[in-house]
Amino acid sequence: MNFVSTKIDVGDGVNGVVEGDLTLHGVTRPVSLVVTFNGVGGDIIPFVTRTGFSATTTVKRSDFGVIQYPGLVGDDLVLRIEAEFTKRIL
């Protein structure tokens, strides 16, 4: 699975949308991720700042050619991404 962003809408600064191309199972489709800025703050380690984001989207497995086990596995695939970035000031 690979995602390449093509557009970022920062929205209100807390909730926004990142659009891009998702490749899954060799098939690429455009998707939109709903992104939430979780905050920024200091760490217990001196001179370290952490910034967090969450993102979600739902895609259909069949749109990407993943059709195995249709009676056992649903077609909707929920993607949840949690990301944290660390900045060190030296």
PDB file of N, CA and C in Angstrom:
ATOM      1  N   MET A   1       0.855  -1.167   0.000  1.00  0.00           N
ATOM      2  CA  MET A   1       0.000   0.000   0.000  1.00  0.00           C
ATOM      3  C   MET A   1       0.901   1.230   0.000  1.00  0.00           C
ATOM      4  N   ASN A   2       0.524   2.197  -0.829  1.00  0.00           N
ATOM      5  CA  ASN A   2       1.291   3.431  -0.941  1.00  0.00           C
ATOM      6  C   ASN A   2       0.321   4.588  -1.149  1.00  0.00           C
ATOM      7  N   PHE A   3       0.589   5.718  -0.493  1.00  0.00           N
ATOM      8  CA  PHE A   3      -0.242   6.908  -0.645  1.00  0.00           C
ATOM      9  C   PHE A   3       0.660   8.076  -0.998  1.00  0.00           C
ATOM     10  N   VAL A   4       0.280   8.826  -2.044  1.00  0.00           N
ATOM     11  CA  VAL A   4       1.008  10.020  -2.459  1.00  0.00           C
ATOM     12  C   VAL A   4       0.019  11.177  -2.464  1.00  0.00           C
ATOM     13  N   SER A   5       0.268  12.176  -1.619  1.00  0.00           N
ATOM     14  CA  SER A   5      -0.658  13.307  -1.541  1.00  0.00           C
ATOM     15  C   SER A   5      -0.537  14.189  -2.775  1.00  0.00           C
ATOM     16  N   THR A   6      -1.677  14.757  -3.174  1.00  0.00           N
ATOM     17  CA  THR A   6      -1.711  15.665  -4.320  1.00  0.00           C
ATOM     18  C   THR A   6      -2.258  17.038  -3.940  1.00  0.00           C
ATOM     19  N   LYS A   7      -2.967  17.131  -2.798  1.00  0.00           N
ATOM     20  CA  LYS A   7      -3.564  18.400  -2.375  1.00  0.00           C
ATOM     21  C   LYS A   7      -3.831  18.349  -0.879  1.00  0.00           C
ATOM     22  N   ILE A   8      -3.576  19.469  -0.211  1.00  0.00           N
ATOM     23  CA  ILE A   8      -3.837  19.571   1.223  1.00  0.00           C
ATOM     24  C   ILE A   8      -4.729  20.778   1.472  1.00  0.00           C
ATOM     25  N   ASP A   9      -5.840  20.539   2.165  1.00  0.00           N
ATOM     26  CA  ASP A   9      -6.732  21.613   2.598  1.00  0.00           C
ATOM     27  C   ASP A   9      -6.667  21.632   4.122  1.00  0.00           C
ATOM     28  N   VAL A  10      -6.043  22.651   4.697  1.00  0.00           N
ATOM     29  CA  VAL A  10      -5.848  22.692   6.147  1.00  0.00           C
ATOM     30  C   VAL A  10      -7.131  22.978   6.916  1.00  0.00           C
ATOM     31  N   GLY A  11      -8.191  23.289   6.226  1.00  0.00           N
ATOM     32  CA  GLY A  11      -9.487  23.503   6.875  1.00  0.00           C
ATOM     33  C   GLY A  11      -9.416  24.565   7.942  1.00  0.00           C
ATOM     34  N   ASP A  12      -9.898  24.239   9.133  1.00  0.00           N
ATOM     35  CA  ASP A  12      -9.930  25.210  10.233  1.00  0.00           C
ATOM     36  C   ASP A  12      -8.674  25.167  11.101  1.00  0.00           C
ATOM     37  N   GLY A  13      -7.678  24.410  10.674  1.00  0.00           N
ATOM     38  CA  GLY A  13      -6.438  24.297  11.444  1.00  0.00           C
ATOM     39  C   GLY A  13      -6.426  23.107  12.381  1.00  0.00           C
ATOM     40  N   VAL A  14      -7.609  22.536  12.641  1.00  0.00           N
ATOM     41  CA  VAL A  14      -7.704  21.326  13.457  1.00  0.00           C
ATOM     42  C   VAL A  14      -8.168  20.157  12.595  1.00  0.00           C
ATOM     43  N   ASN A  15      -9.145  20.394  11.741  1.00  0.00           N
ATOM     44  CA  ASN A  15      -9.678  19.366  10.847  1.00  0.00           C
ATOM     45  C   ASN A  15      -9.477  19.805   9.401  1.00  0.00           C
ATOM     46  N   GLY A  16      -8.946  18.910   8.602  1.00  0.00           N
ATOM     47  CA  GLY A  16      -8.700  19.212   7.199  1.00  0.00           C
ATOM     48  C   GLY A  16      -8.813  17.965   6.349  1.00  0.00           C
ATOM     49  N   VAL A  17      -8.420  18.096   5.093  1.00  0.00           N
ATOM     50  CA  VAL A  17      -8.506  16.990   4.141  1.00  0.00           C
ATOM     51  C   VAL A  17      -7.205  16.926   3.341  1.00  0.00           C
ATOM     52  N   VAL A  18      -6.694  15.712   3.196  1.00  0.00           N
ATOM     53  CA  VAL A  18      -5.544  15.470   2.324  1.00  0.00           C
ATOM     54  C   VAL A  18      -6.026  14.564   1.206  1.00  0.00           C
ATOM     55  N   GLU A  19      -5.914  15.034  -0.024  1.00  0.00           N
ATOM     56  CA  GLU A  19      -6.291  14.241  -1.183  1.00  0.00           C
ATOM     57  C   GLU A  19      -5.030  13.644  -1.788  1.00  0.00           C
ATOM     58  N   GLY A  20      -5.189  12.480  -2.405  1.00  0.00           N
ATOM     59  CA  GLY A  20      -4.027  11.862  -3.025  1.00  0.00           C
ATOM     60  C   GLY A  20      -4.379  10.575  -3.724  1.00  0.00           C
ATOM     61  N   ASP A  21      -3.342   9.878  -4.164  1.00  0.00           N
ATOM     62  CA  ASP A  21      -3.489   8.625  -4.892  1.00  0.00           C
ATOM     63  C   ASP A  21      -3.045   7.469  -4.014  1.00  0.00           C
ATOM     64  N   LEU A  22      -3.968   6.524  -3.803  1.00  0.00           N
ATOM     65  CA  LEU A  22      -3.696   5.330  -3.014  1.00  0.00           C
ATOM     66  C   LEU A  22      -3.481   4.163  -3.958  1.00  0.00           C
ATOM     67  N   THR A  23      -2.357   3.479  -3.798  1.00  0.00           N
ATOM     68  CA  THR A  23      -2.081   2.269  -4.576  1.00  0.00           C
ATOM     69  C   THR A  23      -2.180   1.078  -3.642  1.00  0.00           C
ATOM     70  N   LEU A  24      -3.026   0.128  -4.019  1.00  0.00           N
ATOM     71  CA  LEU A  24      -3.246  -1.082  -3.245  1.00  0.00           C
ATOM     72  C   LEU A  24      -3.417  -2.234  -4.218  1.00  0.00           C
ATOM     73  N   HIS A  25      -2.685  -3.293  -4.022  1.00  0.00           N
ATOM     74  CA  HIS A  25      -2.811  -4.477  -4.871  1.00  0.00           C
ATOM     75  C   HIS A  25      -2.501  -4.140  -6.339  1.00  0.00           C
ATOM     76  N   GLY A  26      -1.593  -3.152  -6.541  1.00  0.00           N
ATOM     77  CA  GLY A  26      -1.186  -2.759  -7.889  1.00  0.00           C
ATOM     78  C   GLY A  26      -2.141  -1.826  -8.617  1.00  0.00           C
ATOM     79  N   VAL A  27      -3.211  -1.386  -7.935  1.00  0.00           N
ATOM     80  CA  VAL A  27      -4.212  -0.496  -8.538  1.00  0.00           C
ATOM     81  C   VAL A  27      -4.166   0.846  -7.814  1.00  0.00           C
ATOM     82  N   THR A  28      -4.176   1.943  -8.581  1.00  0.00           N
ATOM     83  CA  THR A  28      -4.124   3.280  -7.999  1.00  0.00           C
ATOM     84  C   THR A  28      -5.452   3.991  -8.203  1.00  0.00           C
ATOM     85  N   ARG A  29      -5.967   4.567  -7.105  1.00  0.00           N
ATOM     86  CA  ARG A  29      -7.234   5.303  -7.139  1.00  0.00           C
ATOM     87  C   ARG A  29      -7.078   6.573  -6.296  1.00  0.00           C
ATOM     88  N   PRO A  30      -7.801   7.645  -6.649  1.00  0.00           N
ATOM     89  CA  PRO A  30      -7.779   8.845  -5.799  1.00  0.00           C
ATOM     90  C   PRO A  30      -8.614   8.626  -4.539  1.00  0.00           C
ATOM     91  N   VAL A  31      -8.120   9.128  -3.422  1.00  0.00           N
ATOM     92  CA  VAL A  31      -8.854   9.050  -2.154  1.00  0.00           C
ATOM     93  C   VAL A  31      -8.677  10.363  -1.397  1.00  0.00           C
ATOM     94  N   SER A  32      -9.571  10.597  -0.452  1.00  0.00           N
ATOM     95  CA  SER A  32      -9.479  11.754   0.437  1.00  0.00           C
ATOM     96  C   SER A  32      -9.364  11.253   1.869  1.00  0.00           C
ATOM     97  N   LEU A  33      -8.375  11.756   2.586  1.00  0.00           N
ATOM     98  CA  LEU A  33      -8.191  11.427   3.993  1.00  0.00           C
ATOM     99  C   LEU A  33      -8.719  12.588   4.835  1.00  0.00           C
ATOM    100  N   VAL A  34      -9.564  12.297   5.799  1.00  0.00           N
ATOM    101  CA  VAL A  34     -10.015  13.291   6.757  1.00  0.00           C
ATOM    102  C   VAL A  34      -8.961  13.321   7.865  1.00  0.00           C
ATOM    103  N   VAL A  35      -8.341  14.488   8.052  1.00  0.00           N
ATOM    104  CA  VAL A  35      -7.202  14.605   8.957  1.00  0.00           C
ATOM    105  C   VAL A  35      -7.561  15.482  10.151  1.00  0.00           C
ATOM    106  N   THR A  36      -7.125  15.053  11.338  1.00  0.00           N
ATOM    107  CA  THR A  36      -7.297  15.821  12.562  1.00  0.00           C
ATOM    108  C   THR A  36      -5.924  16.109  13.154  1.00  0.00           C
ATOM    109  N   PHE A  37      -5.684  17.371  13.458  1.00  0.00           N
ATOM    110  CA  PHE A  37      -4.462  17.776  14.150  1.00  0.00           C
ATOM    111  C   PHE A  37      -4.678  17.520  15.633  1.00  0.00           C
ATOM    112  N   ASN A  38      -3.878  16.633  16.220  1.00  0.00           N
ATOM    113  CA  ASN A  38      -4.065  16.236  17.616  1.00  0.00           C
ATOM    114  C   ASN A  38      -3.346  17.136  18.608  1.00  0.00           C
ATOM    115  N   GLY A  39      -2.419  17.928  18.137  1.00  0.00           N
ATOM    116  CA  GLY A  39      -1.750  18.857  19.039  1.00  0.00           C
ATOM    117  C   GLY A  39      -0.241  18.810  18.917  1.00  0.00           C
ATOM    118  N   VAL A  40       0.376  19.738  19.624  1.00  0.00           N
ATOM    119  CA  VAL A  40       1.827  19.842  19.651  1.00  0.00           C
ATOM    120  C   VAL A  40       2.228  20.151  21.083  1.00  0.00           C
ATOM    121  N   GLY A  41       3.344  19.567  21.494  1.00  0.00           N
ATOM    122  CA  GLY A  41       3.774  19.834  22.856  1.00  0.00           C
ATOM    123  C   GLY A  41       5.164  19.325  23.125  1.00  0.00           C
ATOM    124  N   GLY A  42       5.659  19.722  24.266  1.00  0.00           N
ATOM    125  CA  GLY A  42       6.980  19.302  24.686  1.00  0.00           C
ATOM    126  C   GLY A  42       6.989  17.850  25.148  1.00  0.00           C
ATOM    127  N   ASP A  43       8.148  17.301  25.158  1.00  0.00           N
ATOM    128  CA  ASP A  43       8.377  15.914  25.563  1.00  0.00           C
ATOM    129  C   ASP A  43       9.039  15.934  26.938  1.00  0.00           C
ATOM    130  N   ILE A  44       9.130  14.775  27.563  1.00  0.00           N
ATOM    131  CA  ILE A  44       9.870  14.706  28.822  1.00  0.00           C
ATOM    132  C   ILE A  44      11.370  14.831  28.574  1.00  0.00           C
ATOM    133  N   ILE A  45      11.768  14.599  27.326  1.00  0.00           N
ATOM    134  CA  ILE A  45      13.163  14.776  26.941  1.00  0.00           C
ATOM    135  C   ILE A  45      13.364  16.254  26.601  1.00  0.00           C
ATOM    136  N   PRO A  46      14.350  16.893  27.195  1.00  0.00           N
ATOM    137  CA  PRO A  46      14.575  18.312  26.897  1.00  0.00           C
ATOM    138  C   PRO A  46      14.838  18.571  25.419  1.00  0.00           C
ATOM    139  N   PHE A  47      14.358  19.706  24.933  1.00  0.00           N
ATOM    140  CA  PHE A  47      14.573  20.173  23.563  1.00  0.00           C
ATOM    141  C   PHE A  47      13.888  19.303  22.505  1.00  0.00           C
ATOM    142  N   VAL A  48      12.857  18.560  22.899  1.00  0.00           N
ATOM    143  CA  VAL A  48      12.113  17.720  21.952  1.00  0.00           C
ATOM    144  C   VAL A  48      10.659  18.171  21.931  1.00  0.00           C
ATOM    145  N   THR A  49      10.111  18.365  20.731  1.00  0.00           N
ATOM    146  CA  THR A  49       8.708  18.730  20.534  1.00  0.00           C
ATOM    147  C   THR A  49       8.046  17.659  19.681  1.00  0.00           C
ATOM    148  N   ARG A  50       6.839  17.268  20.061  1.00  0.00           N
ATOM    149  CA  ARG A  50       6.085  16.254  19.312  1.00  0.00           C
ATOM    150  C   ARG A  50       4.814  16.862  18.749  1.00  0.00           C
ATOM    151  N   THR A  51       4.462  16.453  17.528  1.00  0.00           N
ATOM    152  CA  THR A  51       3.258  16.897  16.841  1.00  0.00           C
ATOM    153  C   THR A  51       2.512  15.665  16.344  1.00  0.00           C
ATOM    154  N   GLY A  52       1.189  15.593  16.594  1.00  0.00           N
ATOM    155  CA  GLY A  52       0.429  14.410  16.221  1.00  0.00           C
ATOM    156  C   GLY A  52      -0.739  14.693  15.290  1.00  0.00           C
ATOM    157  N   PHE A  53      -1.004  13.734  14.411  1.00  0.00           N
ATOM    158  CA  PHE A  53      -2.114  13.798  13.461  1.00  0.00           C
ATOM    159  C   PHE A  53      -2.810  12.446  13.395  1.00  0.00           C
ATOM    160  N   SER A  54      -4.110  12.459  13.119  1.00  0.00           N
ATOM    161  CA  SER A  54      -4.880  11.249  12.828  1.00  0.00           C
ATOM    162  C   SER A  54      -5.552  11.441  11.478  1.00  0.00           C
ATOM    163  N   ALA A  55      -5.672  10.365  10.716  1.00  0.00           N
ATOM    164  CA  ALA A  55      -6.341  10.444   9.409  1.00  0.00           C
ATOM    165  C   ALA A  55      -7.162   9.179   9.193  1.00  0.00           C
ATOM    166  N   THR A  56      -8.314   9.328   8.539  1.00  0.00           N
ATOM    167  CA  THR A  56      -9.164   8.183   8.234  1.00  0.00           C
ATOM    168  C   THR A  56      -9.774   8.320   6.842  1.00  0.00           C
ATOM    169  N   THR A  57     -10.068   7.178   6.261  1.00  0.00           N
ATOM    170  CA  THR A  57     -10.830   7.104   5.025  1.00  0.00           C
ATOM    171  C   THR A  57     -11.396   5.696   4.912  1.00  0.00           C
ATOM    172  N   THR A  58     -12.375   5.530   4.065  1.00  0.00           N
ATOM    173  CA  THR A  58     -12.934   4.210   3.776  1.00  0.00           C
ATOM    174  C   THR A  58     -12.906   4.007   2.269  1.00  0.00           C
ATOM    175  N   VAL A  59     -12.371   2.862   1.836  1.00  0.00           N
ATOM    176  CA  VAL A  59     -12.342   2.514   0.418  1.00  0.00           C
ATOM    177  C   VAL A  59     -12.961   1.133   0.244  1.00  0.00           C
ATOM    178  N   LYS A  60     -13.317   0.821  -0.966  1.00  0.00           N
ATOM    179  CA  LYS A  60     -13.851  -0.504  -1.289  1.00  0.00           C
ATOM    180  C   LYS A  60     -12.709  -1.388  -1.777  1.00  0.00           C
ATOM    181  N   ARG A  61     -12.579  -2.567  -1.174  1.00  0.00           N
ATOM    182  CA  ARG A  61     -11.536  -3.511  -1.594  1.00  0.00           C
ATOM    183  C   ARG A  61     -11.679  -3.852  -3.069  1.00  0.00           C
ATOM    184  N   SER A  62     -12.900  -4.004  -3.513  1.00  0.00           N
ATOM    185  CA  SER A  62     -13.146  -4.400  -4.901  1.00  0.00           C
ATOM    186  C   SER A  62     -12.678  -3.337  -5.892  1.00  0.00           C
ATOM    187  N   ASP A  63     -12.654  -2.056  -5.483  1.00  0.00           N
ATOM    188  CA  ASP A  63     -12.155  -0.994  -6.362  1.00  0.00           C
ATOM    189  C   ASP A  63     -10.674  -1.169  -6.673  1.00  0.00           C
ATOM    190  N   PHE A  64      -9.984  -1.925  -5.829  1.00  0.00           N
ATOM    191  CA  PHE A  64      -8.556  -2.158  -6.002  1.00  0.00           C
ATOM    192  C   PHE A  64      -8.258  -3.591  -6.456  1.00  0.00           C
ATOM    193  N   GLY A  65      -9.291  -4.299  -6.884  1.00  0.00           N
ATOM    194  CA  GLY A  65      -9.106  -5.651  -7.398  1.00  0.00           C
ATOM    195  C   GLY A  65      -8.962  -6.721  -6.334  1.00  0.00           C
ATOM    196  N   VAL A  66      -9.212  -6.376  -5.076  1.00  0.00           N
ATOM    197  CA  VAL A  66      -9.127  -7.358  -3.987  1.00  0.00           C
ATOM    198  C   VAL A  66     -10.525  -7.942  -3.807  1.00  0.00           C
ATOM    199  N   ILE A  67     -10.725  -9.134  -4.337  1.00  0.00           N
ATOM    200  CA  ILE A  67     -12.075  -9.725  -4.345  1.00  0.00           C
ATOM    201  C   ILE A  67     -12.137 -11.086  -3.659  1.00  0.00           C
ATOM    202  N   GLN A  68     -11.041 -11.528  -3.046  1.00  0.00           N
ATOM    203  CA  GLN A  68     -11.030 -12.819  -2.375  1.00  0.00           C
ATOM    204  C   GLN A  68     -11.977 -12.817  -1.164  1.00  0.00           C
ATOM    205  N   TYR A  69     -12.575 -13.958  -0.909  1.00  0.00           N
ATOM    206  CA  TYR A  69     -13.413 -14.206   0.265  1.00  0.00           C
ATOM    207  C   TYR A  69     -14.574 -13.222   0.412  1.00  0.00           C
ATOM    208  N   PRO A  70     -15.361 -12.991  -0.647  1.00  0.00           N
ATOM    209  CA  PRO A  70     -16.443 -11.999  -0.553  1.00  0.00           C
ATOM    210  C   PRO A  70     -17.508 -12.332   0.493  1.00  0.00           C
ATOM    211  N   GLY A  71     -17.725 -13.599   0.788  1.00  0.00           N
ATOM    212  CA  GLY A  71     -18.727 -13.968   1.793  1.00  0.00           C
ATOM    213  C   GLY A  71     -18.209 -13.864   3.216  1.00  0.00           C
ATOM    214  N   LEU A  72     -16.898 -13.823   3.373  1.00  0.00           N
ATOM    215  CA  LEU A  72     -16.303 -13.799   4.712  1.00  0.00           C
ATOM    216  C   LEU A  72     -15.760 -12.439   5.121  1.00  0.00           C
ATOM    217  N   VAL A  73     -15.359 -11.649   4.130  1.00  0.00           N
ATOM    218  CA  VAL A  73     -14.740 -10.355   4.403  1.00  0.00           C
ATOM    219  C   VAL A  73     -15.543  -9.273   3.683  1.00  0.00           C
ATOM    220  N   GLY A  74     -15.898  -8.216   4.397  1.00  0.00           N
ATOM    221  CA  GLY A  74     -16.663  -7.124   3.798  1.00  0.00           C
ATOM    222  C   GLY A  74     -15.852  -6.364   2.760  1.00  0.00           C
ATOM    223  N   ASP A  75     -16.543  -5.610   1.928  1.00  0.00           N
ATOM    224  CA  ASP A  75     -15.897  -4.864   0.853  1.00  0.00           C
ATOM    225  C   ASP A  75     -15.303  -3.552   1.353  1.00  0.00           C
ATOM    226  N   ASP A  76     -15.859  -2.982   2.426  1.00  0.00           N
ATOM    227  CA  ASP A  76     -15.350  -1.712   2.945  1.00  0.00           C
ATOM    228  C   ASP A  76     -14.069  -1.939   3.739  1.00  0.00           C
ATOM    229  N   LEU A  77     -13.067  -1.143   3.413  1.00  0.00           N
ATOM    230  CA  LEU A  77     -11.783  -1.185   4.098  1.00  0.00           C
ATOM    231  C   LEU A  77     -11.574   0.176   4.754  1.00  0.00           C
ATOM    232  N   VAL A  78     -11.566   0.197   6.080  1.00  0.00           N
ATOM    233  CA  VAL A  78     -11.369   1.442   6.821  1.00  0.00           C
ATOM    234  C   VAL A  78      -9.882   1.590   7.110  1.00  0.00           C
ATOM    235  N   LEU A  79      -9.315   2.700   6.664  1.00  0.00           N
ATOM    236  CA  LEU A  79      -7.906   2.987   6.920  1.00  0.00           C
ATOM    237  C   LEU A  79      -7.820   4.037   8.018  1.00  0.00           C
ATOM    238  N   ARG A  80      -7.067   3.733   9.057  1.00  0.00           N
ATOM    239  CA  ARG A  80      -6.834   4.672  10.157  1.00  0.00           C
ATOM    240  C   ARG A  80      -5.335   4.861  10.292  1.00  0.00           C
ATOM    241  N   ILE A  81      -4.918   6.096  10.223  1.00  0.00           N
ATOM    242  CA  ILE A  81      -3.497   6.417  10.280  1.00  0.00           C
ATOM    243  C   ILE A  81      -3.254   7.314  11.487  1.00  0.00           C
ATOM    244  N   GLU A  82      -2.301   6.942  12.308  1.00  0.00           N
ATOM    245  CA  GLU A  82      -1.867   7.757  13.440  1.00  0.00           C
ATOM    246  C   GLU A  82      -0.413   8.106  13.186  1.00  0.00           C
ATOM    247  N   ALA A  83      -0.098   9.388  13.197  1.00  0.00           N
ATOM    248  CA  ALA A  83       1.273   9.818  12.920  1.00  0.00           C
ATOM    249  C   ALA A  83       1.737  10.801  13.988  1.00  0.00           C
ATOM    250  N   GLU A  84       2.998  10.649  14.362  1.00  0.00           N
ATOM    251  CA  GLU A  84       3.600  11.564  15.312  1.00  0.00           C
ATOM    252  C   GLU A  84       4.968  11.962  14.788  1.00  0.00           C
ATOM    253  N   PHE A  85       5.242  13.248  14.821  1.00  0.00           N
ATOM    254  CA  PHE A  85       6.506  13.770  14.344  1.00  0.00           C
ATOM    255  C   PHE A  85       7.279  14.347  15.514  1.00  0.00           C
ATOM    256  N   THR A  86       8.569  14.113  15.507  1.00  0.00           N
ATOM    257  CA  THR A  86       9.428  14.580  16.591  1.00  0.00           C
ATOM    258  C   THR A  86      10.438  15.570  16.038  1.00  0.00           C
ATOM    259  N   LYS A  87      10.540  16.715  16.689  1.00  0.00           N
ATOM    260  CA  LYS A  87      11.519  17.725  16.308  1.00  0.00           C
ATOM    261  C   LYS A  87      12.470  17.922  17.479  1.00  0.00           C
ATOM    262  N   ARG A  88      13.737  17.812  17.178  1.00  0.00           N
ATOM    263  CA  ARG A  88      14.761  18.046  18.194  1.00  0.00           C
ATOM    264  C   ARG A  88      15.474  19.341  17.901  1.00  0.00           C
ATOM    265  N   ILE A  89      15.593  20.162  18.888  1.00  0.00           N
ATOM    266  CA  ILE A  89      16.316  21.405  18.757  1.00  0.00           C
ATOM    267  C   ILE A  89      17.647  21.247  19.475  1.00  0.00           C
ATOM    268  N   LEU A  90      18.697  21.291  18.722  1.00  0.00           N
ATOM    269  CA  LEU A  90      20.015  21.104  19.344  1.00  0.00           C
ATOM    270  C   LEU A  90      20.798  22.384  19.338  1.00  0.00           C
TER     271      LEU A  90
END
